[in-house]
Amino acid sequence: MVRGMNLEARTYRSARADLRREERVAASLGIRIWDGIDEGLTRDISPSGIFFLTKRAFQRGEAVSFTVLFEELAGHRSWALECDAQVMRVEAQGDDIGIAVRIRDSRMRQVV
């Protein structure tokens, strides 16, 4: 499982920034794809989308469900953000594959 968390107090800007509805925050959070096989690491996150790195290729338009792990924030229990999303973009990122998704539905839950 990919672990760790690194939230930066800055927004992430790119050439696509003018196409986005909401600002993104650079964040390195563990992610688990619900097929039980794949995991990855987020690069940035916003209220409506996430860009993450993984080894598995997805197709544009494909539905994907995953969990983003927030481990022990400020000494409190861990949290999980469960998401149902649609793949908007797929791109090579070195040895990994970058996946940009639009979140369709999400819910937070405490990890026991």
PDB file of N, CA and C in Angstrom:
ATOM      1  N   MET A   1       0.833  -1.167   0.000  1.00  0.00           N
ATOM      2  CA  MET A   1       0.000   0.000   0.000  1.00  0.00           C
ATOM      3  C   MET A   1       0.881   1.234   0.000  1.00  0.00           C
ATOM      4  N   VAL A   2       0.556   2.180  -0.811  1.00  0.00           N
ATOM      5  CA  VAL A   2       1.275   3.441  -0.830  1.00  0.00           C
ATOM      6  C   VAL A   2       0.821   4.234   0.387  1.00  0.00           C
ATOM      7  N   ARG A   3       1.743   4.727   1.174  1.00  0.00           N
ATOM      8  CA  ARG A   3       1.389   5.466   2.382  1.00  0.00           C
ATOM      9  C   ARG A   3       2.016   6.849   2.354  1.00  0.00           C
ATOM     10  N   GLY A   4       1.549   7.664   3.257  1.00  0.00           N
ATOM     11  CA  GLY A   4       2.127   8.980   3.414  1.00  0.00           C
ATOM     12  C   GLY A   4       1.186  10.062   2.952  1.00  0.00           C
ATOM     13  N   MET A   5       1.489  11.272   3.405  1.00  0.00           N
ATOM     14  CA  MET A   5       0.655  12.392   3.030  1.00  0.00           C
ATOM     15  C   MET A   5       1.525  13.638   2.979  1.00  0.00           C
ATOM     16  N   ASN A   6       1.365  14.388   1.934  1.00  0.00           N
ATOM     17  CA  ASN A   6       2.101  15.632   1.801  1.00  0.00           C
ATOM     18  C   ASN A   6       1.179  16.647   1.135  1.00  0.00           C
ATOM     19  N   LEU A   7       0.540  17.506   1.942  1.00  0.00           N
ATOM     20  CA  LEU A   7      -0.317  18.548   1.411  1.00  0.00           C
ATOM     21  C   LEU A   7       0.481  19.838   1.388  1.00  0.00           C
ATOM     22  N   GLU A   8       0.542  20.472   0.266  1.00  0.00           N
ATOM     23  CA  GLU A   8       1.278  21.719   0.152  1.00  0.00           C
ATOM     24  C   GLU A   8       0.302  22.885   0.202  1.00  0.00           C
ATOM     25  N   ALA A   9       0.692  23.938   0.877  1.00  0.00           N
ATOM     26  CA  ALA A   9      -0.161  25.113   1.031  1.00  0.00           C
ATOM     27  C   ALA A   9      -0.024  26.020  -0.185  1.00  0.00           C
ATOM     28  N   ARG A  10      -0.203  25.449  -1.352  1.00  0.00           N
ATOM     29  CA  ARG A  10      -0.180  26.235  -2.584  1.00  0.00           C
ATOM     30  C   ARG A  10      -1.113  25.565  -3.574  1.00  0.00           C
ATOM     31  N   THR A  11      -1.579  26.306  -4.511  1.00  0.00           N
ATOM     32  CA  THR A  11      -2.420  25.716  -5.539  1.00  0.00           C
ATOM     33  C   THR A  11      -1.548  25.232  -6.674  1.00  0.00           C
ATOM     34  N   TYR A  12      -2.034  24.274  -7.411  1.00  0.00           N
ATOM     35  CA  TYR A  12      -1.315  23.692  -8.529  1.00  0.00           C
ATOM     36  C   TYR A  12      -1.806  24.362  -9.803  1.00  0.00           C
ATOM     37  N   ARG A  13      -0.926  24.926 -10.574  1.00  0.00           N
ATOM     38  CA  ARG A  13      -1.300  25.620 -11.807  1.00  0.00           C
ATOM     39  C   ARG A  13      -0.692  24.907 -13.003  1.00  0.00           C
ATOM     40  N   SER A  14      -1.412  24.891 -14.088  1.00  0.00           N
ATOM     41  CA  SER A  14      -0.895  24.291 -15.309  1.00  0.00           C
ATOM     42  C   SER A  14      -1.519  24.996 -16.510  1.00  0.00           C
ATOM     43  N   ALA A  15      -1.156  24.526 -17.693  1.00  0.00           N
ATOM     44  CA  ALA A  15      -1.713  25.108 -18.914  1.00  0.00           C
ATOM     45  C   ALA A  15      -3.216  24.880 -19.002  1.00  0.00           C
ATOM     46  N   ARG A  16      -3.729  23.879 -18.283  1.00  0.00           N
ATOM     47  CA  ARG A  16      -5.158  23.589 -18.302  1.00  0.00           C
ATOM     48  C   ARG A  16      -5.931  24.351 -17.234  1.00  0.00           C
ATOM     49  N   ALA A  17      -5.258  25.162 -16.446  1.00  0.00           N
ATOM     50  CA  ALA A  17      -5.877  25.827 -15.303  1.00  0.00           C
ATOM     51  C   ALA A  17      -7.118  26.632 -15.697  1.00  0.00           C
ATOM     52  N   ASP A  18      -7.105  27.271 -16.854  1.00  0.00           N
ATOM     53  CA  ASP A  18      -8.242  28.080 -17.250  1.00  0.00           C
ATOM     54  C   ASP A  18      -9.467  27.240 -17.597  1.00  0.00           C
ATOM     55  N   LEU A  19      -9.308  25.941 -17.794  1.00  0.00           N
ATOM     56  CA  LEU A  19     -10.422  25.052 -18.104  1.00  0.00           C
ATOM     57  C   LEU A  19     -11.088  24.493 -16.851  1.00  0.00           C
ATOM     58  N   ARG A  20     -10.489  24.684 -15.696  1.00  0.00           N
ATOM     59  CA  ARG A  20     -10.978  24.085 -14.463  1.00  0.00           C
ATOM     60  C   ARG A  20     -11.961  25.007 -13.752  1.00  0.00           C
ATOM     61  N   ARG A  21     -12.937  24.373 -13.103  1.00  0.00           N
ATOM     62  CA  ARG A  21     -13.921  25.129 -12.343  1.00  0.00           C
ATOM     63  C   ARG A  21     -13.413  25.494 -10.961  1.00  0.00           C
ATOM     64  N   GLU A  22     -12.508  24.678 -10.415  1.00  0.00           N
ATOM     65  CA  GLU A  22     -12.047  24.868  -9.051  1.00  0.00           C
ATOM     66  C   GLU A  22     -10.534  24.748  -8.969  1.00  0.00           C
ATOM     67  N   GLU A  23      -9.963  25.414  -7.968  1.00  0.00           N
ATOM     68  CA  GLU A  23      -8.529  25.326  -7.767  1.00  0.00           C
ATOM     69  C   GLU A  23      -8.155  23.956  -7.235  1.00  0.00           C
ATOM     70  N   ARG A  24      -6.954  23.529  -7.593  1.00  0.00           N
ATOM     71  CA  ARG A  24      -6.429  22.256  -7.114  1.00  0.00           C
ATOM     72  C   ARG A  24      -5.332  22.516  -6.099  1.00  0.00           C
ATOM     73  N   VAL A  25      -5.136  21.546  -5.220  1.00  0.00           N
ATOM     74  CA  VAL A  25      -4.068  21.604  -4.234  1.00  0.00           C
ATOM     75  C   VAL A  25      -3.134  20.425  -4.492  1.00  0.00           C
ATOM     76  N   ALA A  26      -1.841  20.705  -4.559  1.00  0.00           N
ATOM     77  CA  ALA A  26      -0.872  19.623  -4.711  1.00  0.00           C
ATOM     78  C   ALA A  26      -0.940  18.756  -3.452  1.00  0.00           C
ATOM     79  N   ALA A  27      -1.124  17.456  -3.623  1.00  0.00           N
ATOM     80  CA  ALA A  27      -1.266  16.550  -2.482  1.00  0.00           C
ATOM     81  C   ALA A  27      -0.757  15.167  -2.855  1.00  0.00           C
ATOM     82  N   SER A  28       0.019  14.591  -1.978  1.00  0.00           N
ATOM     83  CA  SER A  28       0.533  13.240  -2.174  1.00  0.00           C
ATOM     84  C   SER A  28      -0.131  12.333  -1.145  1.00  0.00           C
ATOM     85  N   LEU A  29      -1.201  11.651  -1.580  1.00  0.00           N
ATOM     86  CA  LEU A  29      -1.997  10.806  -0.703  1.00  0.00           C
ATOM     87  C   LEU A  29      -2.116   9.417  -1.310  1.00  0.00           C
ATOM     88  N   GLY A  30      -2.129   8.401  -0.479  1.00  0.00           N
ATOM     89  CA  GLY A  30      -2.319   7.040  -0.969  1.00  0.00           C
ATOM     90  C   GLY A  30      -3.716   6.865  -1.527  1.00  0.00           C
ATOM     91  N   ILE A  31      -3.818   6.064  -2.576  1.00  0.00           N
ATOM     92  CA  ILE A  31      -5.109   5.797  -3.218  1.00  0.00           C
ATOM     93  C   ILE A  31      -5.213   4.303  -3.488  1.00  0.00           C
ATOM     94  N   ARG A  32      -6.397   3.744  -3.254  1.00  0.00           N
ATOM     95  CA  ARG A  32      -6.643   2.329  -3.507  1.00  0.00           C
ATOM     96  C   ARG A  32      -7.807   2.203  -4.487  1.00  0.00           C
ATOM     97  N   ILE A  33      -7.553   1.588  -5.641  1.00  0.00           N
ATOM     98  CA  ILE A  33      -8.591   1.349  -6.644  1.00  0.00           C
ATOM     99  C   ILE A  33      -9.432   0.173  -6.142  1.00  0.00           C
ATOM    100  N   TRP A  34     -10.737   0.257  -6.294  1.00  0.00           N
ATOM    101  CA  TRP A  34     -11.630  -0.731  -5.693  1.00  0.00           C
ATOM    102  C   TRP A  34     -11.571  -2.111  -6.314  1.00  0.00           C
ATOM    103  N   ASP A  35     -10.859  -2.288  -7.393  1.00  0.00           N
ATOM    104  CA  ASP A  35     -10.761  -3.641  -7.948  1.00  0.00           C
ATOM    105  C   ASP A  35      -9.898  -4.533  -7.058  1.00  0.00           C
ATOM    106  N   GLY A  36      -9.300  -3.921  -6.024  1.00  0.00           N
ATOM    107  CA  GLY A  36      -8.517  -4.687  -5.059  1.00  0.00           C
ATOM    108  C   GLY A  36      -7.097  -4.987  -5.483  1.00  0.00           C
ATOM    109  N   ILE A  37      -6.729  -4.613  -6.685  1.00  0.00           N
ATOM    110  CA  ILE A  37      -5.407  -4.941  -7.205  1.00  0.00           C
ATOM    111  C   ILE A  37      -4.506  -3.707  -7.230  1.00  0.00           C
ATOM    112  N   ASP A  38      -5.033  -2.600  -7.695  1.00  0.00           N
ATOM    113  CA  ASP A  38      -4.214  -1.423  -7.948  1.00  0.00           C
ATOM    114  C   ASP A  38      -4.233  -0.425  -6.798  1.00  0.00           C
ATOM    115  N   GLU A  39      -3.139   0.286  -6.710  1.00  0.00           N
ATOM    116  CA  GLU A  39      -3.023   1.405  -5.795  1.00  0.00           C
ATOM    117  C   GLU A  39      -2.195   2.471  -6.476  1.00  0.00           C
ATOM    118  N   GLY A  40      -2.138   3.635  -5.886  1.00  0.00           N
ATOM    119  CA  GLY A  40      -1.377   4.703  -6.494  1.00  0.00           C
ATOM    120  C   GLY A  40      -1.166   5.840  -5.528  1.00  0.00           C
ATOM    121  N   LEU A  41      -0.882   7.015  -6.081  1.00  0.00           N
ATOM    122  CA  LEU A  41      -0.580   8.190  -5.279  1.00  0.00           C
ATOM    123  C   LEU A  41      -1.145   9.410  -5.992  1.00  0.00           C
ATOM    124  N   THR A  42      -1.869  10.245  -5.260  1.00  0.00           N
ATOM    125  CA  THR A  42      -2.407  11.458  -5.873  1.00  0.00           C
ATOM    126  C   THR A  42      -1.285  12.452  -6.145  1.00  0.00           C
ATOM    127  N   ARG A  43      -1.485  13.266  -7.157  1.00  0.00           N
ATOM    128  CA  ARG A  43      -0.581  14.383  -7.428  1.00  0.00           C
ATOM    129  C   ARG A  43      -1.242  15.685  -7.023  1.00  0.00           C
ATOM    130  N   ASP A  44      -2.549  15.791  -7.309  1.00  0.00           N
ATOM    131  CA  ASP A  44      -3.307  16.963  -6.888  1.00  0.00           C
ATOM    132  C   ASP A  44      -4.775  16.588  -6.732  1.00  0.00           C
ATOM    133  N   ILE A  45      -5.481  17.450  -6.000  1.00  0.00           N
ATOM    134  CA  ILE A  45      -6.870  17.153  -5.657  1.00  0.00           C
ATOM    135  C   ILE A  45      -7.664  18.451  -5.599  1.00  0.00           C
ATOM    136  N   SER A  46      -8.930  18.387  -6.003  1.00  0.00           N
ATOM    137  CA  SER A  46      -9.849  19.517  -5.905  1.00  0.00           C
ATOM    138  C   SER A  46     -11.207  18.953  -5.496  1.00  0.00           C
ATOM    139  N   PRO A  47     -12.179  19.803  -5.190  1.00  0.00           N
ATOM    140  CA  PRO A  47     -13.500  19.283  -4.836  1.00  0.00           C
ATOM    141  C   PRO A  47     -14.169  18.471  -5.944  1.00  0.00           C
ATOM    142  N   SER A  48     -13.780  18.702  -7.201  1.00  0.00           N
ATOM    143  CA  SER A  48     -14.459  18.009  -8.299  1.00  0.00           C
ATOM    144  C   SER A  48     -13.585  17.018  -9.067  1.00  0.00           C
ATOM    145  N   GLY A  49     -12.292  16.920  -8.717  1.00  0.00           N
ATOM    146  CA  GLY A  49     -11.437  16.006  -9.469  1.00  0.00           C
ATOM    147  C   GLY A  49     -10.132  15.697  -8.770  1.00  0.00           C
ATOM    148  N   ILE A  50      -9.497  14.637  -9.249  1.00  0.00           N
ATOM    149  CA  ILE A  50      -8.221  14.183  -8.701  1.00  0.00           C
ATOM    150  C   ILE A  50      -7.344  13.723  -9.860  1.00  0.00           C
ATOM    151  N   PHE A  51      -6.046  14.006  -9.751  1.00  0.00           N
ATOM    152  CA  PHE A  51      -5.074  13.443 -10.683  1.00  0.00           C
ATOM    153  C   PHE A  51      -4.212  12.509  -9.857  1.00  0.00           C
ATOM    154  N   PHE A  52      -4.116  11.245 -10.295  1.00  0.00           N
ATOM    155  CA  PHE A  52      -3.302  10.285  -9.558  1.00  0.00           C
ATOM    156  C   PHE A  52      -2.423   9.477 -10.492  1.00  0.00           C
ATOM    157  N   LEU A  53      -1.373   8.919  -9.923  1.00  0.00           N
ATOM    158  CA  LEU A  53      -0.430   8.075 -10.651  1.00  0.00           C
ATOM    159  C   LEU A  53      -0.634   6.630 -10.237  1.00  0.00           C
ATOM    160  N   THR A  54      -0.616   5.731 -11.216  1.00  0.00           N
ATOM    161  CA  THR A  54      -0.786   4.311 -10.971  1.00  0.00           C
ATOM    162  C   THR A  54      -0.035   3.551 -12.061  1.00  0.00           C
ATOM    163  N   LYS A  55      -0.046   2.246 -11.985  1.00  0.00           N
ATOM    164  CA  LYS A  55       0.593   1.410 -13.015  1.00  0.00           C
ATOM    165  C   LYS A  55      -0.412   0.943 -14.065  1.00  0.00           C
ATOM    166  N   ARG A  56      -1.694   1.054 -13.763  1.00  0.00           N
ATOM    167  CA  ARG A  56      -2.734   0.531 -14.638  1.00  0.00           C
ATOM    168  C   ARG A  56      -3.263   1.600 -15.589  1.00  0.00           C
ATOM    169  N   ALA A  57      -3.407   1.229 -16.841  1.00  0.00           N
ATOM    170  CA  ALA A  57      -3.978   2.146 -17.837  1.00  0.00           C
ATOM    171  C   ALA A  57      -5.498   2.075 -17.791  1.00  0.00           C
ATOM    172  N   PHE A  58      -6.125   3.214 -17.818  1.00  0.00           N
ATOM    173  CA  PHE A  58      -7.578   3.309 -17.909  1.00  0.00           C
ATOM    174  C   PHE A  58      -7.914   3.938 -19.252  1.00  0.00           C
ATOM    175  N   GLN A  59      -9.155   3.826 -19.661  1.00  0.00           N
ATOM    176  CA  GLN A  59      -9.618   4.429 -20.903  1.00  0.00           C
ATOM    177  C   GLN A  59     -10.396   5.700 -20.584  1.00  0.00           C
ATOM    178  N   ARG A  60     -10.245   6.717 -21.420  1.00  0.00           N
ATOM    179  CA  ARG A  60     -11.033   7.937 -21.254  1.00  0.00           C
ATOM    180  C   ARG A  60     -12.513   7.574 -21.265  1.00  0.00           C
ATOM    181  N   GLY A  61     -13.263   8.130 -20.318  1.00  0.00           N
ATOM    182  CA  GLY A  61     -14.696   7.849 -20.208  1.00  0.00           C
ATOM    183  C   GLY A  61     -15.017   6.687 -19.285  1.00  0.00           C
ATOM    184  N   GLU A  62     -14.010   5.894 -18.930  1.00  0.00           N
ATOM    185  CA  GLU A  62     -14.219   4.729 -18.064  1.00  0.00           C
ATOM    186  C   GLU A  62     -14.625   5.161 -16.654  1.00  0.00           C
ATOM    187  N   ALA A  63     -15.521   4.400 -16.042  1.00  0.00           N
ATOM    188  CA  ALA A  63     -15.899   4.633 -14.645  1.00  0.00           C
ATOM    189  C   ALA A  63     -14.857   3.965 -13.754  1.00  0.00           C
ATOM    190  N   VAL A  64     -14.519   4.635 -12.648  1.00  0.00           N
ATOM    191  CA  VAL A  64     -13.542   4.086 -11.704  1.00  0.00           C
ATOM    192  C   VAL A  64     -13.980   4.469 -10.293  1.00  0.00           C
ATOM    193  N   SER A  65     -13.851   3.525  -9.370  1.00  0.00           N
ATOM    194  CA  SER A  65     -14.137   3.769  -7.960  1.00  0.00           C
ATOM    195  C   SER A  65     -12.848   3.561  -7.184  1.00  0.00           C
ATOM    196  N   PHE A  66     -12.597   4.438  -6.220  1.00  0.00           N
ATOM    197  CA  PHE A  66     -11.347   4.373  -5.468  1.00  0.00           C
ATOM    198  C   PHE A  66     -11.522   5.033  -4.110  1.00  0.00           C
ATOM    199  N   THR A  67     -10.539   4.814  -3.256  1.00  0.00           N
ATOM    200  CA  THR A  67     -10.505   5.415  -1.923  1.00  0.00           C
ATOM    201  C   THR A  67      -9.207   6.196  -1.768  1.00  0.00           C
ATOM    202  N   VAL A  68      -9.319   7.432  -1.320  1.00  0.00           N
ATOM    203  CA  VAL A  68      -8.154   8.261  -0.993  1.00  0.00           C
ATOM    204  C   VAL A  68      -7.988   8.189   0.522  1.00  0.00           C
ATOM    205  N   LEU A  69      -6.771   7.906   0.970  1.00  0.00           N
ATOM    206  CA  LEU A  69      -6.515   7.699   2.394  1.00  0.00           C
ATOM    207  C   LEU A  69      -5.879   8.919   3.036  1.00  0.00           C
ATOM    208  N   PHE A  70      -6.529   9.435   4.066  1.00  0.00           N
ATOM    209  CA  PHE A  70      -6.015  10.542   4.870  1.00  0.00           C
ATOM    210  C   PHE A  70      -5.621   9.941   6.209  1.00  0.00           C
ATOM    211  N   GLU A  71      -4.339   9.727   6.416  1.00  0.00           N
ATOM    212  CA  GLU A  71      -3.881   9.045   7.621  1.00  0.00           C
ATOM    213  C   GLU A  71      -3.629  10.018   8.760  1.00  0.00           C
ATOM    214  N   GLU A  72      -4.249   9.749   9.878  1.00  0.00           N
ATOM    215  CA  GLU A  72      -4.087  10.489  11.126  1.00  0.00           C
ATOM    216  C   GLU A  72      -3.813  11.970  10.946  1.00  0.00           C
ATOM    217  N   LEU A  73      -4.863  12.698  10.691  1.00  0.00           N
ATOM    218  CA  LEU A  73      -4.766  14.148  10.547  1.00  0.00           C
ATOM    219  C   LEU A  73      -4.757  14.794  11.930  1.00  0.00           C
ATOM    220  N   ALA A  74      -3.713  15.521  12.229  1.00  0.00           N
ATOM    221  CA  ALA A  74      -3.576  16.258  13.490  1.00  0.00           C
ATOM    222  C   ALA A  74      -3.868  15.385  14.707  1.00  0.00           C
ATOM    223  N   GLY A  75      -3.378  14.145  14.693  1.00  0.00           N
ATOM    224  CA  GLY A  75      -3.530  13.262  15.834  1.00  0.00           C
ATOM    225  C   GLY A  75      -4.886  12.586  15.945  1.00  0.00           C
ATOM    226  N   HIS A  76      -5.752  12.805  14.976  1.00  0.00           N
ATOM    227  CA  HIS A  76      -7.072  12.178  14.991  1.00  0.00           C
ATOM    228  C   HIS A  76      -7.049  10.904  14.155  1.00  0.00           C
ATOM    229  N   ARG A  77      -8.129  10.158  14.221  1.00  0.00           N
ATOM    230  CA  ARG A  77      -8.226   8.922  13.444  1.00  0.00           C
ATOM    231  C   ARG A  77      -8.061   9.174  11.952  1.00  0.00           C
ATOM    232  N   SER A  78      -7.735   8.122  11.267  1.00  0.00           N
ATOM    233  CA  SER A  78      -7.602   8.200   9.812  1.00  0.00           C
ATOM    234  C   SER A  78      -8.980   8.330   9.160  1.00  0.00           C
ATOM    235  N   TRP A  79      -8.998   8.943   7.998  1.00  0.00           N
ATOM    236  CA  TRP A  79     -10.218   9.116   7.212  1.00  0.00           C
ATOM    237  C   TRP A  79     -10.000   8.564   5.817  1.00  0.00           C
ATOM    238  N   ALA A  80     -11.094   8.195   5.187  1.00  0.00           N
ATOM    239  CA  ALA A  80     -11.060   7.715   3.812  1.00  0.00           C
ATOM    240  C   ALA A  80     -12.106   8.480   3.004  1.00  0.00           C
ATOM    241  N   LEU A  81     -11.710   8.947   1.834  1.00  0.00           N
ATOM    242  CA  LEU A  81     -12.626   9.585   0.897  1.00  0.00           C
ATOM    243  C   LEU A  81     -12.912   8.560  -0.194  1.00  0.00           C
ATOM    244  N   GLU A  82     -14.136   8.049  -0.210  1.00  0.00           N
ATOM    245  CA  GLU A  82     -14.534   7.050  -1.211  1.00  0.00           C
ATOM    246  C   GLU A  82     -15.162   7.787  -2.386  1.00  0.00           C
ATOM    247  N   CYS A  83     -14.674   7.509  -3.583  1.00  0.00           N
ATOM    248  CA  CYS A  83     -15.112   8.248  -4.775  1.00  0.00           C
ATOM    249  C   CYS A  83     -15.567   7.329  -5.904  1.00  0.00           C
ATOM    250  N   ASP A  84     -16.599   7.775  -6.598  1.00  0.00           N
ATOM    251  CA  ASP A  84     -16.994   7.214  -7.885  1.00  0.00           C
ATOM    252  C   ASP A  84     -16.683   8.316  -8.880  1.00  0.00           C
ATOM    253  N   ALA A  85     -15.943   7.987  -9.928  1.00  0.00           N
ATOM    254  CA  ALA A  85     -15.459   9.024 -10.837  1.00  0.00           C
ATOM    255  C   ALA A  85     -15.456   8.540 -12.280  1.00  0.00           C
ATOM    256  N   GLN A  86     -15.183   9.482 -13.179  1.00  0.00           N
ATOM    257  CA  GLN A  86     -15.060   9.189 -14.609  1.00  0.00           C
ATOM    258  C   GLN A  86     -13.690   9.658 -15.069  1.00  0.00           C
ATOM    259  N   VAL A  87     -13.003   8.812 -15.818  1.00  0.00           N
ATOM    260  CA  VAL A  87     -11.681   9.150 -16.340  1.00  0.00           C
ATOM    261  C   VAL A  87     -11.830  10.201 -17.438  1.00  0.00           C
ATOM    262  N   MET A  88     -11.114  11.313 -17.265  1.00  0.00           N
ATOM    263  CA  MET A  88     -11.168  12.407 -18.227  1.00  0.00           C
ATOM    264  C   MET A  88      -9.918  12.468 -19.110  1.00  0.00           C
ATOM    265  N   ARG A  89      -8.770  12.025 -18.548  1.00  0.00           N
ATOM    266  CA  ARG A  89      -7.507  12.103 -19.289  1.00  0.00           C
ATOM    267  C   ARG A  89      -6.567  11.018 -18.782  1.00  0.00           C
ATOM    268  N   VAL A  90      -5.770  10.459 -19.703  1.00  0.00           N
ATOM    269  CA  VAL A  90      -4.761   9.443 -19.384  1.00  0.00           C
ATOM    270  C   VAL A  90      -3.468   9.886 -20.060  1.00  0.00           C
ATOM    271  N   GLU A  91      -2.362   9.902 -19.299  1.00  0.00           N
ATOM    272  CA  GLU A  91      -1.091  10.328 -19.890  1.00  0.00           C
ATOM    273  C   GLU A  91       0.082   9.601 -19.246  1.00  0.00           C
ATOM    274  N   ALA A  92       1.111   9.364 -20.029  1.00  0.00           N
ATOM    275  CA  ALA A  92       2.329   8.730 -19.524  1.00  0.00           C
ATOM    276  C   ALA A  92       3.030   9.686 -18.575  1.00  0.00           C
ATOM    277  N   GLN A  93       3.531   9.140 -17.463  1.00  0.00           N
ATOM    278  CA  GLN A  93       4.261   9.909 -16.456  1.00  0.00           C
ATOM    279  C   GLN A  93       5.469   9.090 -16.024  1.00  0.00           C
ATOM    280  N   GLY A  94       6.488   9.014 -16.870  1.00  0.00           N
ATOM    281  CA  GLY A  94       7.652   8.183 -16.570  1.00  0.00           C
ATOM    282  C   GLY A  94       7.261   6.712 -16.587  1.00  0.00           C
ATOM    283  N   ASP A  95       7.538   5.998 -15.493  1.00  0.00           N
ATOM    284  CA  ASP A  95       7.171   4.585 -15.382  1.00  0.00           C
ATOM    285  C   ASP A  95       5.716   4.388 -14.983  1.00  0.00           C
ATOM    286  N   ASP A  96       5.029   5.470 -14.644  1.00  0.00           N
ATOM    287  CA  ASP A  96       3.640   5.398 -14.192  1.00  0.00           C
ATOM    288  C   ASP A  96       2.698   5.924 -15.268  1.00  0.00           C
ATOM    289  N   ILE A  97       1.412   5.823 -14.968  1.00  0.00           N
ATOM    290  CA  ILE A  97       0.376   6.369 -15.833  1.00  0.00           C
ATOM    291  C   ILE A  97      -0.409   7.380 -15.021  1.00  0.00           C
ATOM    292  N   GLY A  98      -0.549   8.584 -15.554  1.00  0.00           N
ATOM    293  CA  GLY A  98      -1.313   9.632 -14.885  1.00  0.00           C
ATOM    294  C   GLY A  98      -2.767   9.570 -15.306  1.00  0.00           C
ATOM    295  N   ILE A  99      -3.656   9.610 -14.321  1.00  0.00           N
ATOM    296  CA  ILE A  99      -5.091   9.519 -14.568  1.00  0.00           C
ATOM    297  C   ILE A  99      -5.775  10.743 -13.972  1.00  0.00           C
ATOM    298  N   ALA A 100      -6.464  11.507 -14.796  1.00  0.00           N
ATOM    299  CA  ALA A 100      -7.259  12.646 -14.330  1.00  0.00           C
ATOM    300  C   ALA A 100      -8.712  12.197 -14.308  1.00  0.00           C
ATOM    301  N   VAL A 101      -9.363  12.356 -13.154  1.00  0.00           N
ATOM    302  CA  VAL A 101     -10.756  11.935 -13.035  1.00  0.00           C
ATOM    303  C   VAL A 101     -11.635  13.079 -12.554  1.00  0.00           C
ATOM    304  N   ARG A 102     -12.899  13.038 -12.969  1.00  0.00           N
ATOM    305  CA  ARG A 102     -13.930  13.944 -12.457  1.00  0.00           C
ATOM    306  C   ARG A 102     -14.741  13.141 -11.453  1.00  0.00           C
ATOM    307  N   ILE A 103     -14.845  13.654 -10.246  1.00  0.00           N
ATOM    308  CA  ILE A 103     -15.598  12.974  -9.189  1.00  0.00           C
ATOM    309  C   ILE A 103     -17.087  13.144  -9.440  1.00  0.00           C
ATOM    310  N   ARG A 104     -17.802  12.027  -9.485  1.00  0.00           N
ATOM    311  CA  ARG A 104     -19.258  12.035  -9.685  1.00  0.00           C
ATOM    312  C   ARG A 104     -19.994  11.953  -8.351  1.00  0.00           C
ATOM    313  N   ASP A 105     -19.419  11.201  -7.398  1.00  0.00           N
ATOM    314  CA  ASP A 105     -20.028  11.021  -6.081  1.00  0.00           C
ATOM    315  C   ASP A 105     -18.904  10.720  -5.100  1.00  0.00           C
ATOM    316  N   SER A 106     -19.029  11.198  -3.875  1.00  0.00           N
ATOM    317  CA  SER A 106     -18.011  10.918  -2.865  1.00  0.00           C
ATOM    318  C   SER A 106     -18.617  10.921  -1.467  1.00  0.00           C
ATOM    319  N   ARG A 107     -17.943  10.241  -0.563  1.00  0.00           N
ATOM    320  CA  ARG A 107     -18.361  10.206   0.835  1.00  0.00           C
ATOM    321  C   ARG A 107     -17.126   9.997   1.712  1.00  0.00           C
ATOM    322  N   MET A 108     -17.111  10.655   2.871  1.00  0.00           N
ATOM    323  CA  MET A 108     -16.022  10.515   3.836  1.00  0.00           C
ATOM    324  C   MET A 108     -16.442   9.520   4.908  1.00  0.00           C
ATOM    325  N   ARG A 109     -15.483   8.735   5.389  1.00  0.00           N
ATOM    326  CA  ARG A 109     -15.760   7.838   6.509  1.00  0.00           C
ATOM    327  C   ARG A 109     -14.495   7.691   7.338  1.00  0.00           C
ATOM    328  N   GLN A 110     -14.695   7.482   8.634  1.00  0.00           N
ATOM    329  CA  GLN A 110     -13.566   7.235   9.503  1.00  0.00           C
ATOM    330  C   GLN A 110     -13.105   5.805   9.326  1.00  0.00           C
ATOM    331  N   VAL A 111     -11.790   5.606   9.341  1.00  0.00           N
ATOM    332  CA  VAL A 111     -11.210   4.275   9.238  1.00  0.00           C
ATOM    333  C   VAL A 111     -11.044   3.755  10.658  1.00  0.00           C
ATOM    334  N   VAL A 112     -11.581   2.592  10.898  1.00  0.00           N
ATOM    335  CA  VAL A 112     -11.529   2.007  12.244  1.00  0.00           C
ATOM    336  C   VAL A 112     -10.247   1.273  12.456  1.00  0.00           C
TER     337      VAL A 112
END
